[in-house]
PDB file of N, CA and C in Angstrom:
ATOM      1  N   MET A   1       4.787 -11.307   0.414  1.00  0.00           N
ATOM      2  CA  MET A   1       4.148 -11.344  -0.887  1.00  0.00           C
ATOM      3  C   MET A   1       4.052  -9.916  -1.416  1.00  0.00           C
ATOM      4  N   VAL A   2       4.448  -9.754  -2.664  1.00  0.00           N
ATOM      5  CA  VAL A   2       4.376  -8.452  -3.323  1.00  0.00           C
ATOM      6  C   VAL A   2       3.356  -8.558  -4.449  1.00  0.00           C
ATOM      7  N   TYR A   3       2.413  -7.627  -4.492  1.00  0.00           N
ATOM      8  CA  TYR A   3       1.383  -7.614  -5.527  1.00  0.00           C
ATOM      9  C   TYR A   3       1.721  -6.540  -6.550  1.00  0.00           C
ATOM     10  N   THR A   4       1.802  -6.922  -7.828  1.00  0.00           N
ATOM     11  CA  THR A   4       2.169  -5.982  -8.882  1.00  0.00           C
ATOM     12  C   THR A   4       1.305  -6.230 -10.112  1.00  0.00           C
ATOM     13  N   ASP A   5       1.463  -5.337 -11.097  1.00  0.00           N
ATOM     14  CA  ASP A   5       0.912  -5.656 -12.410  1.00  0.00           C
ATOM     15  C   ASP A   5       1.965  -6.502 -13.129  1.00  0.00           C
ATOM     16  N   GLU A   6       1.766  -6.767 -14.398  1.00  0.00           N
ATOM     17  CA  GLU A   6       2.670  -7.690 -15.091  1.00  0.00           C
ATOM     18  C   GLU A   6       3.822  -6.999 -15.812  1.00  0.00           C
ATOM     19  N   TRP A   7       4.153  -5.790 -15.429  1.00  0.00           N
ATOM     20  CA  TRP A   7       5.283  -5.082 -16.023  1.00  0.00           C
ATOM     21  C   TRP A   7       6.560  -5.886 -15.787  1.00  0.00           C
ATOM     22  N   ASN A   8       7.382  -6.031 -16.807  1.00  0.00           N
ATOM     23  CA  ASN A   8       8.594  -6.859 -16.726  1.00  0.00           C
ATOM     24  C   ASN A   8       9.602  -6.369 -15.695  1.00  0.00           C
ATOM     25  N   GLY A   9       9.562  -5.105 -15.346  1.00  0.00           N
ATOM     26  CA  GLY A   9      10.499  -4.569 -14.364  1.00  0.00           C
ATOM     27  C   GLY A   9      10.376  -5.220 -12.998  1.00  0.00           C
ATOM     28  N   TYR A  10       9.216  -5.811 -12.711  1.00  0.00           N
ATOM     29  CA  TYR A  10       9.018  -6.467 -11.422  1.00  0.00           C
ATOM     30  C   TYR A  10       9.483  -7.918 -11.416  1.00  0.00           C
ATOM     31  N   ALA A  11       9.895  -8.450 -12.560  1.00  0.00           N
ATOM     32  CA  ALA A  11      10.286  -9.863 -12.654  1.00  0.00           C
ATOM     33  C   ALA A  11      11.441 -10.194 -11.720  1.00  0.00           C
ATOM     34  N   ARG A  12      12.279  -9.233 -11.438  1.00  0.00           N
ATOM     35  CA  ARG A  12      13.440  -9.490 -10.576  1.00  0.00           C
ATOM     36  C   ARG A  12      13.018  -9.837  -9.146  1.00  0.00           C
ATOM     37  N   LEU A  13      11.795  -9.464  -8.738  1.00  0.00           N
ATOM     38  CA  LEU A  13      11.324  -9.842  -7.404  1.00  0.00           C
ATOM     39  C   LEU A  13      11.306 -11.359  -7.246  1.00  0.00           C
ATOM     40  N   ALA A  14      10.814 -12.054  -8.260  1.00  0.00           N
ATOM     41  CA  ALA A  14      10.762 -13.522  -8.200  1.00  0.00           C
ATOM     42  C   ALA A  14      12.168 -14.112  -8.172  1.00  0.00           C
ATOM     43  N   ARG A  15      13.076 -13.491  -8.887  1.00  0.00           N
ATOM     44  CA  ARG A  15      14.453 -14.002  -8.897  1.00  0.00           C
ATOM     45  C   ARG A  15      15.138 -13.788  -7.553  1.00  0.00           C
ATOM     46  N   ASN A  16      14.647 -12.855  -6.754  1.00  0.00           N
ATOM     47  CA  ASN A  16      15.228 -12.586  -5.436  1.00  0.00           C
ATOM     48  C   ASN A  16      14.463 -13.302  -4.327  1.00  0.00           C
ATOM     49  N   ASN A  17      13.746 -14.368  -4.699  1.00  0.00           N
ATOM     50  CA  ASN A  17      12.996 -15.184  -3.739  1.00  0.00           C
ATOM     51  C   ASN A  17      11.938 -14.400  -2.973  1.00  0.00           C
ATOM     52  N   ARG A  18      11.338 -13.426  -3.621  1.00  0.00           N
ATOM     53  CA  ARG A  18      10.214 -12.698  -3.038  1.00  0.00           C
ATOM     54  C   ARG A  18       8.946 -13.258  -3.657  1.00  0.00           C
ATOM     55  N   GLY A  19       7.945 -13.535  -2.851  1.00  0.00           N
ATOM     56  CA  GLY A  19       6.675 -13.992  -3.399  1.00  0.00           C
ATOM     57  C   GLY A  19       6.046 -12.869  -4.215  1.00  0.00           C
ATOM     58  N   ARG A  20       5.430 -13.220  -5.336  1.00  0.00           N
ATOM     59  CA  ARG A  20       4.840 -12.203  -6.199  1.00  0.00           C
ATOM     60  C   ARG A  20       3.552 -12.736  -6.802  1.00  0.00           C
ATOM     61  N   ALA A  21       2.511 -11.932  -6.746  1.00  0.00           N
ATOM     62  CA  ALA A  21       1.257 -12.231  -7.433  1.00  0.00           C
ATOM     63  C   ALA A  21       0.955 -11.034  -8.321  1.00  0.00           C
ATOM     64  N   THR A  22       0.382 -11.296  -9.499  1.00  0.00           N
ATOM     65  CA  THR A  22       0.173 -10.217 -10.461  1.00  0.00           C
ATOM     66  C   THR A  22      -1.284 -10.113 -10.886  1.00  0.00           C
ATOM     67  N   VAL A  23      -1.633  -8.926 -11.368  1.00  0.00           N
ATOM     68  CA  VAL A  23      -2.898  -8.703 -12.063  1.00  0.00           C
ATOM     69  C   VAL A  23      -2.556  -8.215 -13.459  1.00  0.00           C
ATOM     70  N   ASN A  24      -3.409  -8.542 -14.416  1.00  0.00           N
ATOM     71  CA  ASN A  24      -3.154  -8.226 -15.816  1.00  0.00           C
ATOM     72  C   ASN A  24      -3.967  -7.002 -16.227  1.00  0.00           C
ATOM     73  N   HIS A  25      -3.287  -5.898 -16.537  1.00  0.00           N
ATOM     74  CA  HIS A  25      -3.953  -4.666 -16.958  1.00  0.00           C
ATOM     75  C   HIS A  25      -3.948  -4.492 -18.471  1.00  0.00           C
ATOM     76  N   ALA A  26      -3.586  -5.532 -19.227  1.00  0.00           N
ATOM     77  CA  ALA A  26      -3.500  -5.419 -20.688  1.00  0.00           C
ATOM     78  C   ALA A  26      -4.877  -5.131 -21.282  1.00  0.00           C
ATOM     79  N   PRO A  27      -4.928  -4.344 -22.365  1.00  0.00           N
ATOM     80  CA  PRO A  27      -6.214  -4.067 -23.018  1.00  0.00           C
ATOM     81  C   PRO A  27      -6.919  -5.366 -23.404  1.00  0.00           C
ATOM     82  N   GLY A  28      -8.202  -5.418 -23.134  1.00  0.00           N
ATOM     83  CA  GLY A  28      -8.978  -6.612 -23.439  1.00  0.00           C
ATOM     84  C   GLY A  28      -8.899  -7.680 -22.364  1.00  0.00           C
ATOM     85  N   GLN A  29      -7.971  -7.549 -21.448  1.00  0.00           N
ATOM     86  CA  GLN A  29      -7.818  -8.519 -20.363  1.00  0.00           C
ATOM     87  C   GLN A  29      -7.765  -7.797 -19.026  1.00  0.00           C
ATOM     88  N   ARG A  30      -8.353  -6.611 -18.974  1.00  0.00           N
ATOM     89  CA  ARG A  30      -8.258  -5.761 -17.783  1.00  0.00           C
ATOM     90  C   ARG A  30      -8.767  -6.500 -16.550  1.00  0.00           C
ATOM     91  N   GLU A  31      -7.886  -6.704 -15.635  1.00  0.00           N
ATOM     92  CA  GLU A  31      -8.193  -7.402 -14.392  1.00  0.00           C
ATOM     93  C   GLU A  31      -7.889  -6.440 -13.247  1.00  0.00           C
ATOM     94  N   ARG A  32      -8.896  -6.062 -12.503  1.00  0.00           N
ATOM     95  CA  ARG A  32      -8.681  -5.111 -11.404  1.00  0.00           C
ATOM     96  C   ARG A  32      -8.147  -5.814 -10.159  1.00  0.00           C
ATOM     97  N   ALA A  33      -8.748  -6.942  -9.828  1.00  0.00           N
ATOM     98  CA  ALA A  33      -8.336  -7.687  -8.639  1.00  0.00           C
ATOM     99  C   ALA A  33      -8.724  -9.149  -8.837  1.00  0.00           C
ATOM    100  N   ARG A  34      -8.070 -10.020  -8.092  1.00  0.00           N
ATOM    101  CA  ARG A  34      -8.307 -11.451  -8.274  1.00  0.00           C
ATOM    102  C   ARG A  34      -8.357 -12.146  -6.916  1.00  0.00           C
ATOM    103  N   ASP A  35      -9.235 -13.126  -6.811  1.00  0.00           N
ATOM    104  CA  ASP A  35      -9.354 -13.952  -5.612  1.00  0.00           C
ATOM    105  C   ASP A  35      -8.603 -15.254  -5.860  1.00  0.00           C
ATOM    106  N   ASP A  36      -7.401 -15.374  -5.330  1.00  0.00           N
ATOM    107  CA  ASP A  36      -6.586 -16.569  -5.578  1.00  0.00           C
ATOM    108  C   ASP A  36      -6.908 -17.742  -4.659  1.00  0.00           C
ATOM    109  N   ASP A  37      -7.376 -17.465  -3.450  1.00  0.00           N
ATOM    110  CA  ASP A  37      -7.564 -18.573  -2.510  1.00  0.00           C
ATOM    111  C   ASP A  37      -9.025 -19.002  -2.346  1.00  0.00           C
ATOM    112  N   GLY A  38      -9.947 -18.397  -3.104  1.00  0.00           N
ATOM    113  CA  GLY A  38     -11.336 -18.837  -3.105  1.00  0.00           C
ATOM    114  C   GLY A  38     -12.166 -18.424  -1.910  1.00  0.00           C
ATOM    115  N   ASP A  39     -11.693 -17.461  -1.106  1.00  0.00           N
ATOM    116  CA  ASP A  39     -12.460 -17.048   0.070  1.00  0.00           C
ATOM    117  C   ASP A  39     -13.434 -15.903  -0.215  1.00  0.00           C
ATOM    118  N   GLY A  40     -13.504 -15.457  -1.473  1.00  0.00           N
ATOM    119  CA  GLY A  40     -14.424 -14.379  -1.836  1.00  0.00           C
ATOM    120  C   GLY A  40     -13.831 -12.990  -1.701  1.00  0.00           C
ATOM    121  N   ILE A  41     -12.621 -12.888  -1.171  1.00  0.00           N
ATOM    122  CA  ILE A  41     -11.952 -11.593  -1.034  1.00  0.00           C
ATOM    123  C   ILE A  41     -10.924 -11.479  -2.153  1.00  0.00           C
ATOM    124  N   ARG A  42     -11.012 -10.423  -2.922  1.00  0.00           N
ATOM    125  CA  ARG A  42     -10.082 -10.235  -4.045  1.00  0.00           C
ATOM    126  C   ARG A  42      -8.809  -9.565  -3.528  1.00  0.00           C
ATOM    127  N   GLU A  43      -7.914 -10.380  -2.999  1.00  0.00           N
ATOM    128  CA  GLU A  43      -6.728  -9.836  -2.337  1.00  0.00           C
ATOM    129  C   GLU A  43      -5.574  -9.527  -3.269  1.00  0.00           C
ATOM    130  N   VAL A  44      -5.593 -10.016  -4.489  1.00  0.00           N
ATOM    131  CA  VAL A  44      -4.492  -9.740  -5.415  1.00  0.00           C
ATOM    132  C   VAL A  44      -4.851  -8.508  -6.233  1.00  0.00           C
ATOM    133  N   HIS A  45      -4.260  -7.380  -5.876  1.00  0.00           N
ATOM    134  CA  HIS A  45      -4.450  -6.129  -6.611  1.00  0.00           C
ATOM    135  C   HIS A  45      -3.247  -5.241  -6.345  1.00  0.00           C
ATOM    136  N   ASP A  46      -3.107  -4.203  -7.124  1.00  0.00           N
ATOM    137  CA  ASP A  46      -2.006  -3.268  -6.888  1.00  0.00           C
ATOM    138  C   ASP A  46      -2.518  -1.847  -6.694  1.00  0.00           C
ATOM    139  N   ASN A  47      -3.765  -1.714  -6.241  1.00  0.00           N
ATOM    140  CA  ASN A  47      -4.351  -0.393  -6.041  1.00  0.00           C
ATOM    141  C   ASN A  47      -3.665   0.390  -4.929  1.00  0.00           C
ATOM    142  N   THR A  48      -3.237  -0.286  -3.870  1.00  0.00           N
ATOM    143  CA  THR A  48      -2.558   0.414  -2.778  1.00  0.00           C
ATOM    144  C   THR A  48      -1.261   1.035  -3.276  1.00  0.00           C
ATOM    145  N   ARG A  49      -0.491   0.268  -4.022  1.00  0.00           N
ATOM    146  CA  ARG A  49       0.766   0.788  -4.565  1.00  0.00           C
ATOM    147  C   ARG A  49       0.502   1.953  -5.503  1.00  0.00           C
ATOM    148  N   GLU A  50      -0.485   1.807  -6.382  1.00  0.00           N
ATOM    149  CA  GLU A  50      -0.783   2.887  -7.319  1.00  0.00           C
ATOM    150  C   GLU A  50      -1.253   4.136  -6.581  1.00  0.00           C
ATOM    151  N   GLY A  51      -2.030   3.955  -5.520  1.00  0.00           N
ATOM    152  CA  GLY A  51      -2.485   5.091  -4.727  1.00  0.00           C
ATOM    153  C   GLY A  51      -1.338   5.790  -4.011  1.00  0.00           C
ATOM    154  N   LEU A  52      -0.381   5.006  -3.513  1.00  0.00           N
ATOM    155  CA  LEU A  52       0.784   5.602  -2.852  1.00  0.00           C
ATOM    156  C   LEU A  52       1.605   6.427  -3.835  1.00  0.00           C
ATOM    157  N   TRP A  53       1.796   5.904  -5.053  1.00  0.00           N
ATOM    158  CA  TRP A  53       2.553   6.665  -6.050  1.00  0.00           C
ATOM    159  C   TRP A  53       1.836   7.964  -6.390  1.00  0.00           C
ATOM    160  N   THR A  54       0.504   7.922  -6.466  1.00  0.00           N
ATOM    161  CA  THR A  54      -0.257   9.136  -6.755  1.00  0.00           C
ATOM    162  C   THR A  54      -0.024  10.173  -5.664  1.00  0.00           C
ATOM    163  N   ALA A  55      -0.048   9.743  -4.407  1.00  0.00           N
ATOM    164  CA  ALA A  55       0.171  10.677  -3.303  1.00  0.00           C
ATOM    165  C   ALA A  55       1.610  11.186  -3.277  1.00  0.00           C
ATOM    166  N   LEU A  56       2.568  10.312  -3.536  1.00  0.00           N
ATOM    167  CA  LEU A  56       3.978  10.723  -3.512  1.00  0.00           C
ATOM    168  C   LEU A  56       4.341  11.626  -4.688  1.00  0.00           C
ATOM    169  N   ARG A  57       3.545  11.588  -5.757  1.00  0.00           N
ATOM    170  CA  ARG A  57       3.825  12.418  -6.921  1.00  0.00           C
ATOM    171  C   ARG A  57       3.801  13.911  -6.580  1.00  0.00           C
ATOM    172  N   THR A  58       3.127  14.274  -5.485  1.00  0.00           N
ATOM    173  CA  THR A  58       3.091  15.684  -5.093  1.00  0.00           C
ATOM    174  C   THR A  58       4.477  16.201  -4.737  1.00  0.00           C
ATOM    175  N   PHE A  59       5.413  15.310  -4.466  1.00  0.00           N
ATOM    176  CA  PHE A  59       6.772  15.720  -4.107  1.00  0.00           C
ATOM    177  C   PHE A  59       7.690  15.858  -5.315  1.00  0.00           C
ATOM    178  N   ARG A  60       7.158  15.700  -6.521  1.00  0.00           N
ATOM    179  CA  ARG A  60       7.999  15.855  -7.717  1.00  0.00           C
ATOM    180  C   ARG A  60       8.584  17.257  -7.754  1.00  0.00           C
ATOM    181  N   GLY A  61       9.826  17.342  -8.160  1.00  0.00           N
ATOM    182  CA  GLY A  61      10.467  18.634  -8.312  1.00  0.00           C
ATOM    183  C   GLY A  61      11.197  19.122  -7.074  1.00  0.00           C
ATOM    184  N   ILE A  62      11.105  18.395  -5.960  1.00  0.00           N
ATOM    185  CA  ILE A  62      11.841  18.832  -4.780  1.00  0.00           C
ATOM    186  C   ILE A  62      13.280  18.346  -4.880  1.00  0.00           C
ATOM    187  N   SER A  63      14.127  18.955  -4.108  1.00  0.00           N
ATOM    188  CA  SER A  63      15.538  18.590  -4.115  1.00  0.00           C
ATOM    189  C   SER A  63      15.725  17.170  -3.578  1.00  0.00           C
ATOM    190  N   LYS A  64      16.584  16.393  -4.215  1.00  0.00           N
ATOM    191  CA  LYS A  64      16.875  15.041  -3.733  1.00  0.00           C
ATOM    192  C   LYS A  64      17.472  15.083  -2.331  1.00  0.00           C
ATOM    193  N   HIS A  65      18.075  16.205  -1.998  1.00  0.00           N
ATOM    194  CA  HIS A  65      18.670  16.370  -0.672  1.00  0.00           C
ATOM    195  C   HIS A  65      17.606  16.249   0.423  1.00  0.00           C
ATOM    196  N   TYR A  66      16.381  16.708   0.138  1.00  0.00           N
ATOM    197  CA  TYR A  66      15.308  16.703   1.133  1.00  0.00           C
ATOM    198  C   TYR A  66      14.299  15.576   0.930  1.00  0.00           C
ATOM    199  N   LEU A  67      14.470  14.763  -0.103  1.00  0.00           N
ATOM    200  CA  LEU A  67      13.477  13.751  -0.436  1.00  0.00           C
ATOM    201  C   LEU A  67      13.191  12.811   0.726  1.00  0.00           C
ATOM    202  N   ASP A  68      14.219  12.341   1.422  1.00  0.00           N
ATOM    203  CA  ASP A  68      13.992  11.413   2.529  1.00  0.00           C
ATOM    204  C   ASP A  68      13.141  12.038   3.624  1.00  0.00           C
ATOM    205  N   GLN A  69      13.284  13.350   3.839  1.00  0.00           N
ATOM    206  CA  GLN A  69      12.481  14.025   4.852  1.00  0.00           C
ATOM    207  C   GLN A  69      11.017  14.122   4.424  1.00  0.00           C
ATOM    208  N   TYR A  70      10.781  14.424   3.147  1.00  0.00           N
ATOM    209  CA  TYR A  70       9.413  14.477   2.646  1.00  0.00           C
ATOM    210  C   TYR A  70       8.752  13.101   2.725  1.00  0.00           C
ATOM    211  N   VAL A  71       9.483  12.065   2.363  1.00  0.00           N
ATOM    212  CA  VAL A  71       8.931  10.715   2.420  1.00  0.00           C
ATOM    213  C   VAL A  71       8.648  10.320   3.867  1.00  0.00           C
ATOM    214  N   ALA A  72       9.506  10.702   4.798  1.00  0.00           N
ATOM    215  CA  ALA A  72       9.278  10.394   6.215  1.00  0.00           C
ATOM    216  C   ALA A  72       8.004  11.070   6.718  1.00  0.00           C
ATOM    217  N   ILE A  73       7.774  12.314   6.324  1.00  0.00           N
ATOM    218  CA  ILE A  73       6.549  13.016   6.724  1.00  0.00           C
ATOM    219  C   ILE A  73       5.331  12.332   6.112  1.00  0.00           C
ATOM    220  N   PHE A  74       5.434  11.967   4.834  1.00  0.00           N
ATOM    221  CA  PHE A  74       4.335  11.265   4.179  1.00  0.00           C
ATOM    222  C   PHE A  74       4.039   9.945   4.890  1.00  0.00           C
ATOM    223  N   GLN A  75       5.091   9.199   5.214  1.00  0.00           N
ATOM    224  CA  GLN A  75       4.928   7.907   5.879  1.00  0.00           C
ATOM    225  C   GLN A  75       4.263   8.089   7.242  1.00  0.00           C
ATOM    226  N   TRP A  76       4.676   9.102   7.988  1.00  0.00           N
ATOM    227  CA  TRP A  76       4.075   9.380   9.292  1.00  0.00           C
ATOM    228  C   TRP A  76       2.588   9.679   9.137  1.00  0.00           C
ATOM    229  N   ALA A  77       2.229  10.547   8.184  1.00  0.00           N
ATOM    230  CA  ALA A  77       0.828  10.912   7.987  1.00  0.00           C
ATOM    231  C   ALA A  77       0.009   9.710   7.509  1.00  0.00           C
ATOM    232  N   TYR A  78       0.580   8.899   6.641  1.00  0.00           N
ATOM    233  CA  TYR A  78      -0.126   7.722   6.131  1.00  0.00           C
ATOM    234  C   TYR A  78      -0.396   6.730   7.260  1.00  0.00           C
ATOM    235  N   ASN A  79       0.603   6.486   8.097  1.00  0.00           N
ATOM    236  CA  ASN A  79       0.446   5.546   9.207  1.00  0.00           C
ATOM    237  C   ASN A  79      -0.447   6.095  10.305  1.00  0.00           C
ATOM    238  N   LEU A  80      -0.540   7.413  10.406  1.00  0.00           N
ATOM    239  CA  LEU A  80      -1.368   8.040  11.431  1.00  0.00           C
ATOM    240  C   LEU A  80      -2.831   7.663  11.259  1.00  0.00           C
ATOM    241  N   LYS A  81      -3.260   7.434  10.021  1.00  0.00           N
ATOM    242  CA  LYS A  81      -4.651   7.051   9.769  1.00  0.00           C
ATOM    243  C   LYS A  81      -5.020   5.779  10.518  1.00  0.00           C
ATOM    244  N   GLU A  82      -4.073   4.873  10.680  1.00  0.00           N
ATOM    245  CA  GLU A  82      -4.344   3.629  11.388  1.00  0.00           C
ATOM    246  C   GLU A  82      -4.120   3.780  12.891  1.00  0.00           C
ATOM    247  N   ALA A  83      -3.185   4.622  13.285  1.00  0.00           N
ATOM    248  CA  ALA A  83      -2.839   4.750  14.697  1.00  0.00           C
ATOM    249  C   ALA A  83      -3.902   5.505  15.489  1.00  0.00           C
ATOM    250  N   VAL A  84      -4.505   6.524  14.895  1.00  0.00           N
ATOM    251  CA  VAL A  84      -5.468   7.352  15.629  1.00  0.00           C
ATOM    252  C   VAL A  84      -6.680   6.547  16.094  1.00  0.00           C
ATOM    253  N   PRO A  85      -7.354   5.778  15.236  1.00  0.00           N
ATOM    254  CA  PRO A  85      -8.504   5.009  15.736  1.00  0.00           C
ATOM    255  C   PRO A  85      -8.133   4.030  16.849  1.00  0.00           C
ATOM    256  N   ASP A  86      -6.989   3.371  16.727  1.00  0.00           N
ATOM    257  CA  ASP A  86      -6.558   2.438  17.775  1.00  0.00           C
ATOM    258  C   ASP A  86      -6.309   3.167  19.084  1.00  0.00           C
ATOM    259  N   THR A  87      -5.651   4.315  19.004  1.00  0.00           N
ATOM    260  CA  THR A  87      -5.374   5.107  20.203  1.00  0.00           C
ATOM    261  C   THR A  87      -6.669   5.585  20.840  1.00  0.00           C
ATOM    262  N   LEU A  88      -7.607   6.057  20.028  1.00  0.00           N
ATOM    263  CA  LEU A  88      -8.894   6.509  20.569  1.00  0.00           C
ATOM    264  C   LEU A  88      -9.646   5.366  21.242  1.00  0.00           C
ATOM    265  N   ARG A  89      -9.612   4.177  20.654  1.00  0.00           N
ATOM    266  CA  ARG A  89     -10.273   3.030  21.277  1.00  0.00           C
ATOM    267  C   ARG A  89      -9.668   2.734  22.646  1.00  0.00           C
ATOM    268  N   ILE A  90      -8.352   2.809  22.739  1.00  0.00           N
ATOM    269  CA  ILE A  90      -7.681   2.552  24.020  1.00  0.00           C
ATOM    270  C   ILE A  90      -8.082   3.609  25.039  1.00  0.00           C
ATOM    271  N   ILE A  91      -8.072   4.880  24.636  1.00  0.00           N
ATOM    272  CA  ILE A  91      -8.437   5.966  25.554  1.00  0.00           C
ATOM    273  C   ILE A  91      -9.885   5.815  26.007  1.00  0.00           C
ATOM    274  N   LEU A  92     -10.786   5.534  25.073  1.00  0.00           N
ATOM    275  CA  LEU A  92     -12.194   5.380  25.435  1.00  0.00           C
ATOM    276  C   LEU A  92     -12.405   4.178  26.343  1.00  0.00           C
ATOM    277  N   ARG A  93     -11.664   3.113  26.120  1.00  0.00           N
ATOM    278  CA  ARG A  93     -11.771   1.939  26.981  1.00  0.00           C
ATOM    279  C   ARG A  93     -11.300   2.282  28.390  1.00  0.00           C
ATOM    280  N   ILE A  94     -10.193   3.013  28.504  1.00  0.00           N
ATOM    281  CA  ILE A  94      -9.678   3.413  29.819  1.00  0.00           C
ATOM    282  C   ILE A  94     -10.685   4.313  30.516  1.00  0.00           C
ATOM    283  N   THR A  95     -11.266   5.260  29.766  1.00  0.00           N
ATOM    284  CA  THR A  95     -12.238   6.187  30.342  1.00  0.00           C
ATOM    285  C   THR A  95     -13.483   5.445  30.804  1.00  0.00           C
ATOM    286  N   SER A  96     -13.978   4.501  30.018  1.00  0.00           N
ATOM    287  CA  SER A  96     -15.193   3.774  30.403  1.00  0.00           C
ATOM    288  C   SER A  96     -14.918   2.839  31.580  1.00  0.00           C
ATOM    289  N   ASP A  97     -13.704   2.306  31.680  1.00  0.00           N
ATOM    290  CA  ASP A  97     -13.355   1.451  32.817  1.00  0.00           C
ATOM    291  C   ASP A  97     -13.243   2.259  34.102  1.00  0.00           C
ATOM    292  N   ALA A  98     -12.842   3.526  33.990  1.00  0.00           N
ATOM    293  CA  ALA A  98     -12.648   4.369  35.172  1.00  0.00           C
ATOM    294  C   ALA A  98     -13.977   4.870  35.728  1.00  0.00           C
ATOM    295  N   SER A  99     -15.041   4.890  34.918  1.00  0.00           N
ATOM    296  CA  SER A  99     -16.322   5.421  35.406  1.00  0.00           C
ATOM    297  C   SER A  99     -17.052   4.464  36.293  1.00  0.00           C
TER     298      SER A  99
END
């Protein structure tokens, strides 16, 4: 499932058999997030994508030759936020089991 705003450029996702849910950012109909399945969690939003673009914008102006390397470093740092707590939990569990 891909979450986007209603920009027409994303319409091709549906044509390529990709699931797509949208939020409407049009003036007067500003929708930040939506709860589609009724569980109280507003899971349909595009804030993560917008946040990633904001972070990647720092690489504007670099040579296209090096772009893949910059994106790889960004991806590593972004994923590290999730890996570090899990790794620490494992280490602490091992340490507490050894005592």
